[in-house]
PDB file of N, CA and C in Angstrom:
ATOM      1  N   MET A   1       9.150  -9.204  19.513  1.00  0.00           N
ATOM      2  CA  MET A   1       9.518  -8.427  18.349  1.00  0.00           C
ATOM      3  C   MET A   1       9.332  -9.244  17.062  1.00  0.00           C
ATOM      4  N   LYS A   2       9.440 -10.574  17.197  1.00  0.00           N
ATOM      5  CA  LYS A   2       9.272 -11.410  16.027  1.00  0.00           C
ATOM      6  C   LYS A   2       7.839 -11.347  15.504  1.00  0.00           C
ATOM      7  N   LYS A   3       6.854 -11.277  16.423  1.00  0.00           N
ATOM      8  CA  LYS A   3       5.461 -11.166  15.997  1.00  0.00           C
ATOM      9  C   LYS A   3       5.218  -9.852  15.266  1.00  0.00           C
ATOM     10  N   LEU A   4       5.887  -8.796  15.709  1.00  0.00           N
ATOM     11  CA  LEU A   4       5.745  -7.497  15.055  1.00  0.00           C
ATOM     12  C   LEU A   4       6.289  -7.545  13.632  1.00  0.00           C
ATOM     13  N   LYS A   5       7.391  -8.256  13.425  1.00  0.00           N
ATOM     14  CA  LYS A   5       7.946  -8.407  12.076  1.00  0.00           C
ATOM     15  C   LYS A   5       6.981  -9.174  11.182  1.00  0.00           C
ATOM     16  N   ILE A   6       6.408 -10.227  11.704  1.00  0.00           N
ATOM     17  CA  ILE A   6       5.479 -11.037  10.918  1.00  0.00           C
ATOM     18  C   ILE A   6       4.248 -10.224  10.549  1.00  0.00           C
ATOM     19  N   ILE A   7       3.714  -9.488  11.508  1.00  0.00           N
ATOM     20  CA  ILE A   7       2.544  -8.644  11.234  1.00  0.00           C
ATOM     21  C   ILE A   7       2.893  -7.568  10.217  1.00  0.00           C
ATOM     22  N   SER A   8       4.095  -7.024  10.294  1.00  0.00           N
ATOM     23  CA  SER A   8       4.524  -5.998   9.343  1.00  0.00           C
ATOM     24  C   SER A   8       4.631  -6.557   7.936  1.00  0.00           C
ATOM     25  N   ILE A   9       5.164  -7.752   7.822  1.00  0.00           N
ATOM     26  CA  ILE A   9       5.271  -8.376   6.493  1.00  0.00           C
ATOM     27  C   ILE A   9       3.890  -8.658   5.915  1.00  0.00           C
ATOM     28  N   ILE A  10       2.992  -9.144   6.747  1.00  0.00           N
ATOM     29  CA  ILE A  10       1.620  -9.400   6.288  1.00  0.00           C
ATOM     30  C   ILE A  10       0.946  -8.100   5.867  1.00  0.00           C
ATOM     31  N   ALA A  11       1.154  -7.030   6.626  1.00  0.00           N
ATOM     32  CA  ALA A  11       0.574  -5.728   6.270  1.00  0.00           C
ATOM     33  C   ALA A  11       1.133  -5.232   4.940  1.00  0.00           C
ATOM     34  N   LEU A  12       2.418  -5.442   4.715  1.00  0.00           N
ATOM     35  CA  LEU A  12       3.021  -5.018   3.451  1.00  0.00           C
ATOM     36  C   LEU A  12       2.464  -5.801   2.271  1.00  0.00           C
ATOM     37  N   ILE A  13       2.305  -7.093   2.438  1.00  0.00           N
ATOM     38  CA  ILE A  13       1.746  -7.924   1.369  1.00  0.00           C
ATOM     39  C   ILE A  13       0.312  -7.527   1.078  1.00  0.00           C
ATOM     40  N   LEU A  14      -0.494  -7.362   2.122  1.00  0.00           N
ATOM     41  CA  LEU A  14      -1.893  -6.970   1.914  1.00  0.00           C
ATOM     42  C   LEU A  14      -1.999  -5.585   1.301  1.00  0.00           C
ATOM     43  N   SER A  15      -1.139  -4.685   1.692  1.00  0.00           N
ATOM     44  CA  SER A  15      -1.147  -3.340   1.126  1.00  0.00           C
ATOM     45  C   SER A  15      -0.812  -3.361  -0.361  1.00  0.00           C
ATOM     46  N   THR A  16       0.172  -4.146  -0.726  1.00  0.00           N
ATOM     47  CA  THR A  16       0.545  -4.244  -2.137  1.00  0.00           C
ATOM     48  C   THR A  16      -0.566  -4.864  -2.966  1.00  0.00           C
ATOM     49  N   ILE A  17      -1.172  -5.921  -2.453  1.00  0.00           N
ATOM     50  CA  ILE A  17      -2.265  -6.572  -3.172  1.00  0.00           C
ATOM     51  C   ILE A  17      -3.450  -5.630  -3.319  1.00  0.00           C
ATOM     52  N   SER A  18      -3.814  -4.931  -2.246  1.00  0.00           N
ATOM     53  CA  SER A  18      -4.958  -4.024  -2.334  1.00  0.00           C
ATOM     54  C   SER A  18      -4.652  -2.829  -3.236  1.00  0.00           C
ATOM     55  N   MET A  19      -3.391  -2.370  -3.291  1.00  0.00           N
ATOM     56  CA  MET A  19      -3.042  -1.279  -4.185  1.00  0.00           C
ATOM     57  C   MET A  19      -3.199  -1.716  -5.637  1.00  0.00           C
ATOM     58  N   ILE A  20      -2.683  -2.871  -5.980  1.00  0.00           N
ATOM     59  CA  ILE A  20      -2.787  -3.357  -7.357  1.00  0.00           C
ATOM     60  C   ILE A  20      -4.242  -3.592  -7.739  1.00  0.00           C
ATOM     61  N   TRP A  21      -4.999  -4.210  -6.844  1.00  0.00           N
ATOM     62  CA  TRP A  21      -6.409  -4.470  -7.107  1.00  0.00           C
ATOM     63  C   TRP A  21      -7.183  -3.155  -7.222  1.00  0.00           C
ATOM     64  N   GLY A  22      -6.893  -2.204  -6.341  1.00  0.00           N
ATOM     65  CA  GLY A  22      -7.579  -0.918  -6.363  1.00  0.00           C
ATOM     66  C   GLY A  22      -7.287  -0.127  -7.612  1.00  0.00           C
ATOM     67  N   ILE A  23      -6.040  -0.142  -8.069  1.00  0.00           N
ATOM     68  CA  ILE A  23      -5.701   0.561  -9.306  1.00  0.00           C
ATOM     69  C   ILE A  23      -6.431  -0.069 -10.482  1.00  0.00           C
ATOM     70  N   GLY A  24      -6.518  -1.370 -10.499  1.00  0.00           N
ATOM     71  CA  GLY A  24      -7.268  -2.046 -11.566  1.00  0.00           C
ATOM     72  C   GLY A  24      -8.735  -1.679 -11.571  1.00  0.00           C
ATOM     73  N   VAL A  25      -9.335  -1.656 -10.392  1.00  0.00           N
ATOM     74  CA  VAL A  25     -10.759  -1.311 -10.296  1.00  0.00           C
ATOM     75  C   VAL A  25     -10.997   0.140 -10.702  1.00  0.00           C
ATOM     76  N   VAL A  26     -10.145   1.042 -10.222  1.00  0.00           N
ATOM     77  CA  VAL A  26     -10.307   2.455 -10.546  1.00  0.00           C
ATOM     78  C   VAL A  26     -10.137   2.689 -12.045  1.00  0.00           C
ATOM     79  N   CYS A  27      -9.134   2.084 -12.634  1.00  0.00           N
ATOM     80  CA  CYS A  27      -8.897   2.285 -14.068  1.00  0.00           C
ATOM     81  C   CYS A  27     -10.006   1.684 -14.918  1.00  0.00           C
ATOM     82  N   TYR A  28     -10.648   0.641 -14.437  1.00  0.00           N
ATOM     83  CA  TYR A  28     -11.715   0.008 -15.212  1.00  0.00           C
ATOM     84  C   TYR A  28     -13.051   0.739 -15.079  1.00  0.00           C
ATOM     85  N   TYR A  29     -13.403   1.182 -13.869  1.00  0.00           N
ATOM     86  CA  TYR A  29     -14.737   1.711 -13.636  1.00  0.00           C
ATOM     87  C   TYR A  29     -14.851   3.232 -13.682  1.00  0.00           C
ATOM     88  N   VAL A  30     -13.780   3.961 -13.412  1.00  0.00           N
ATOM     89  CA  VAL A  30     -13.877   5.411 -13.319  1.00  0.00           C
ATOM     90  C   VAL A  30     -13.568   6.033 -14.679  1.00  0.00           C
ATOM     91  N   GLU A  31     -14.485   6.871 -15.162  1.00  0.00           N
ATOM     92  CA  GLU A  31     -14.325   7.496 -16.467  1.00  0.00           C
ATOM     93  C   GLU A  31     -13.606   8.839 -16.385  1.00  0.00           C
ATOM     94  N   ASN A  32     -13.794   9.575 -15.294  1.00  0.00           N
ATOM     95  CA  ASN A  32     -13.210  10.894 -15.149  1.00  0.00           C
ATOM     96  C   ASN A  32     -11.706  10.752 -14.908  1.00  0.00           C
ATOM     97  N   LEU A  33     -10.911  11.378 -15.771  1.00  0.00           N
ATOM     98  CA  LEU A  33      -9.468  11.215 -15.705  1.00  0.00           C
ATOM     99  C   LEU A  33      -8.878  11.834 -14.442  1.00  0.00           C
ATOM    100  N   PHE A  34      -9.413  12.967 -13.993  1.00  0.00           N
ATOM    101  CA  PHE A  34      -8.892  13.605 -12.781  1.00  0.00           C
ATOM    102  C   PHE A  34      -9.127  12.736 -11.552  1.00  0.00           C
ATOM    103  N   ILE A  35     -10.333  12.200 -11.416  1.00  0.00           N
ATOM    104  CA  ILE A  35     -10.638  11.342 -10.274  1.00  0.00           C
ATOM    105  C   ILE A  35      -9.829  10.055 -10.352  1.00  0.00           C
ATOM    106  N   ARG A  36      -9.655   9.520 -11.548  1.00  0.00           N
ATOM    107  CA  ARG A  36      -8.852   8.311 -11.721  1.00  0.00           C
ATOM    108  C   ARG A  36      -7.410   8.556 -11.289  1.00  0.00           C
ATOM    109  N   GLY A  37      -6.835   9.657 -11.727  1.00  0.00           N
ATOM    110  CA  GLY A  37      -5.456   9.973 -11.358  1.00  0.00           C
ATOM    111  C   GLY A  37      -5.293  10.220  -9.873  1.00  0.00           C
ATOM    112  N   THR A  38      -6.249  10.930  -9.288  1.00  0.00           N
ATOM    113  CA  THR A  38      -6.201  11.198  -7.850  1.00  0.00           C
ATOM    114  C   THR A  38      -6.314   9.902  -7.051  1.00  0.00           C
ATOM    115  N   SER A  39      -7.205   9.028  -7.451  1.00  0.00           N
ATOM    116  CA  SER A  39      -7.381   7.763  -6.738  1.00  0.00           C
ATOM    117  C   SER A  39      -6.136   6.891  -6.828  1.00  0.00           C
ATOM    118  N   VAL A  40      -5.541   6.825  -8.004  1.00  0.00           N
ATOM    119  CA  VAL A  40      -4.323   6.034  -8.173  1.00  0.00           C
ATOM    120  C   VAL A  40      -3.189   6.628  -7.338  1.00  0.00           C
ATOM    121  N   ALA A  41      -3.089   7.953  -7.318  1.00  0.00           N
ATOM    122  CA  ALA A  41      -2.046   8.596  -6.522  1.00  0.00           C
ATOM    123  C   ALA A  41      -2.225   8.307  -5.026  1.00  0.00           C
ATOM    124  N   ILE A  42      -3.452   8.337  -4.548  1.00  0.00           N
ATOM    125  CA  ILE A  42      -3.716   8.042  -3.134  1.00  0.00           C
ATOM    126  C   ILE A  42      -3.371   6.584  -2.820  1.00  0.00           C
ATOM    127  N   LEU A  43      -3.715   5.666  -3.709  1.00  0.00           N
ATOM    128  CA  LEU A  43      -3.393   4.259  -3.486  1.00  0.00           C
ATOM    129  C   LEU A  43      -1.881   4.033  -3.450  1.00  0.00           C
ATOM    130  N   ILE A  44      -1.166   4.665  -4.368  1.00  0.00           N
ATOM    131  CA  ILE A  44       0.292   4.515  -4.389  1.00  0.00           C
ATOM    132  C   ILE A  44       0.908   5.141  -3.150  1.00  0.00           C
ATOM    133  N   ALA A  45       0.412   6.318  -2.745  1.00  0.00           N
ATOM    134  CA  ALA A  45       0.954   6.986  -1.556  1.00  0.00           C
ATOM    135  C   ALA A  45       0.726   6.148  -0.303  1.00  0.00           C
ATOM    136  N   SER A  46      -0.438   5.535  -0.183  1.00  0.00           N
ATOM    137  CA  SER A  46      -0.694   4.709   1.000  1.00  0.00           C
ATOM    138  C   SER A  46       0.183   3.468   1.006  1.00  0.00           C
ATOM    139  N   SER A  47       0.454   2.903  -0.149  1.00  0.00           N
ATOM    140  CA  SER A  47       1.347   1.752  -0.221  1.00  0.00           C
ATOM    141  C   SER A  47       2.779   2.138   0.143  1.00  0.00           C
ATOM    142  N   ILE A  48       3.210   3.307  -0.299  1.00  0.00           N
ATOM    143  CA  ILE A  48       4.543   3.794   0.061  1.00  0.00           C
ATOM    144  C   ILE A  48       4.627   4.038   1.566  1.00  0.00           C
ATOM    145  N   PHE A  49       3.558   4.575   2.144  1.00  0.00           N
ATOM    146  CA  PHE A  49       3.532   4.805   3.592  1.00  0.00           C
ATOM    147  C   PHE A  49       3.670   3.493   4.356  1.00  0.00           C
ATOM    148  N   VAL A  50       2.971   2.472   3.929  1.00  0.00           N
ATOM    149  CA  VAL A  50       3.053   1.176   4.605  1.00  0.00           C
ATOM    150  C   VAL A  50       4.448   0.591   4.458  1.00  0.00           C
ATOM    151  N   SER A  51       5.033   0.682   3.269  1.00  0.00           N
ATOM    152  CA  SER A  51       6.370   0.111   3.089  1.00  0.00           C
ATOM    153  C   SER A  51       7.410   0.867   3.913  1.00  0.00           C
ATOM    154  N   ASN A  52       7.275   2.181   4.035  1.00  0.00           N
ATOM    155  CA  ASN A  52       8.196   2.940   4.888  1.00  0.00           C
ATOM    156  C   ASN A  52       8.027   2.579   6.357  1.00  0.00           C
ATOM    157  N   THR A  53       6.800   2.362   6.775  1.00  0.00           N
ATOM    158  CA  THR A  53       6.541   1.970   8.153  1.00  0.00           C
ATOM    159  C   THR A  53       7.139   0.591   8.447  1.00  0.00           C
ATOM    160  N   VAL A  54       6.993  -0.331   7.521  1.00  0.00           N
ATOM    161  CA  VAL A  54       7.583  -1.663   7.689  1.00  0.00           C
ATOM    162  C   VAL A  54       9.103  -1.554   7.743  1.00  0.00           C
ATOM    163  N   GLY A  55       9.676  -0.702   6.900  1.00  0.00           N
ATOM    164  CA  GLY A  55      11.124  -0.495   6.939  1.00  0.00           C
ATOM    165  C   GLY A  55      11.591   0.038   8.283  1.00  0.00           C
ATOM    166  N   LEU A  56      10.824   0.961   8.861  1.00  0.00           N
ATOM    167  CA  LEU A  56      11.171   1.491  10.181  1.00  0.00           C
ATOM    168  C   LEU A  56      11.063   0.424  11.267  1.00  0.00           C
ATOM    169  N   VAL A  57      10.066  -0.435  11.158  1.00  0.00           N
ATOM    170  CA  VAL A  57       9.909  -1.519  12.140  1.00  0.00           C
ATOM    171  C   VAL A  57      11.123  -2.437  12.087  1.00  0.00           C
ATOM    172  N   PHE A  58      11.565  -2.785  10.876  1.00  0.00           N
ATOM    173  CA  PHE A  58      12.726  -3.660  10.758  1.00  0.00           C
ATOM    174  C   PHE A  58      13.993  -2.970  11.240  1.00  0.00           C
ATOM    175  N   LYS A  59      14.116  -1.675  10.998  1.00  0.00           N
ATOM    176  CA  LYS A  59      15.305  -0.951  11.430  1.00  0.00           C
ATOM    177  C   LYS A  59      15.356  -0.871  12.957  1.00  0.00           C
ATOM    178  N   GLU A  60      14.220  -0.660  13.593  1.00  0.00           N
ATOM    179  CA  GLU A  60      14.170  -0.548  15.059  1.00  0.00           C
ATOM    180  C   GLU A  60      14.335  -1.900  15.740  1.00  0.00           C
ATOM    181  N   SER A  61      13.981  -2.982  15.049  1.00  0.00           N
ATOM    182  CA  SER A  61      14.068  -4.298  15.680  1.00  0.00           C
ATOM    183  C   SER A  61      15.487  -4.858  15.676  1.00  0.00           C
ATOM    184  N   LYS A  62      16.408  -4.221  14.980  1.00  0.00           N
ATOM    185  CA  LYS A  62      17.788  -4.706  14.951  1.00  0.00           C
ATOM    186  C   LYS A  62      18.558  -4.324  16.171  1.00  0.00           C
TER     187      LYS A  62
END
């Protein structure tokens, strides 16, 4: 179970980094406001999904 916690923490860190990097890239390169907003929303939603999954892993491991 300890390995699962470590993998979950790494997934959360990578998800957060990729979300921040992705939002930066989308805001810099995409001109269409609708596509920019949709892309940012998808990135934020996926990061929230990963953080909720990590929270469930920690709750189940107790």
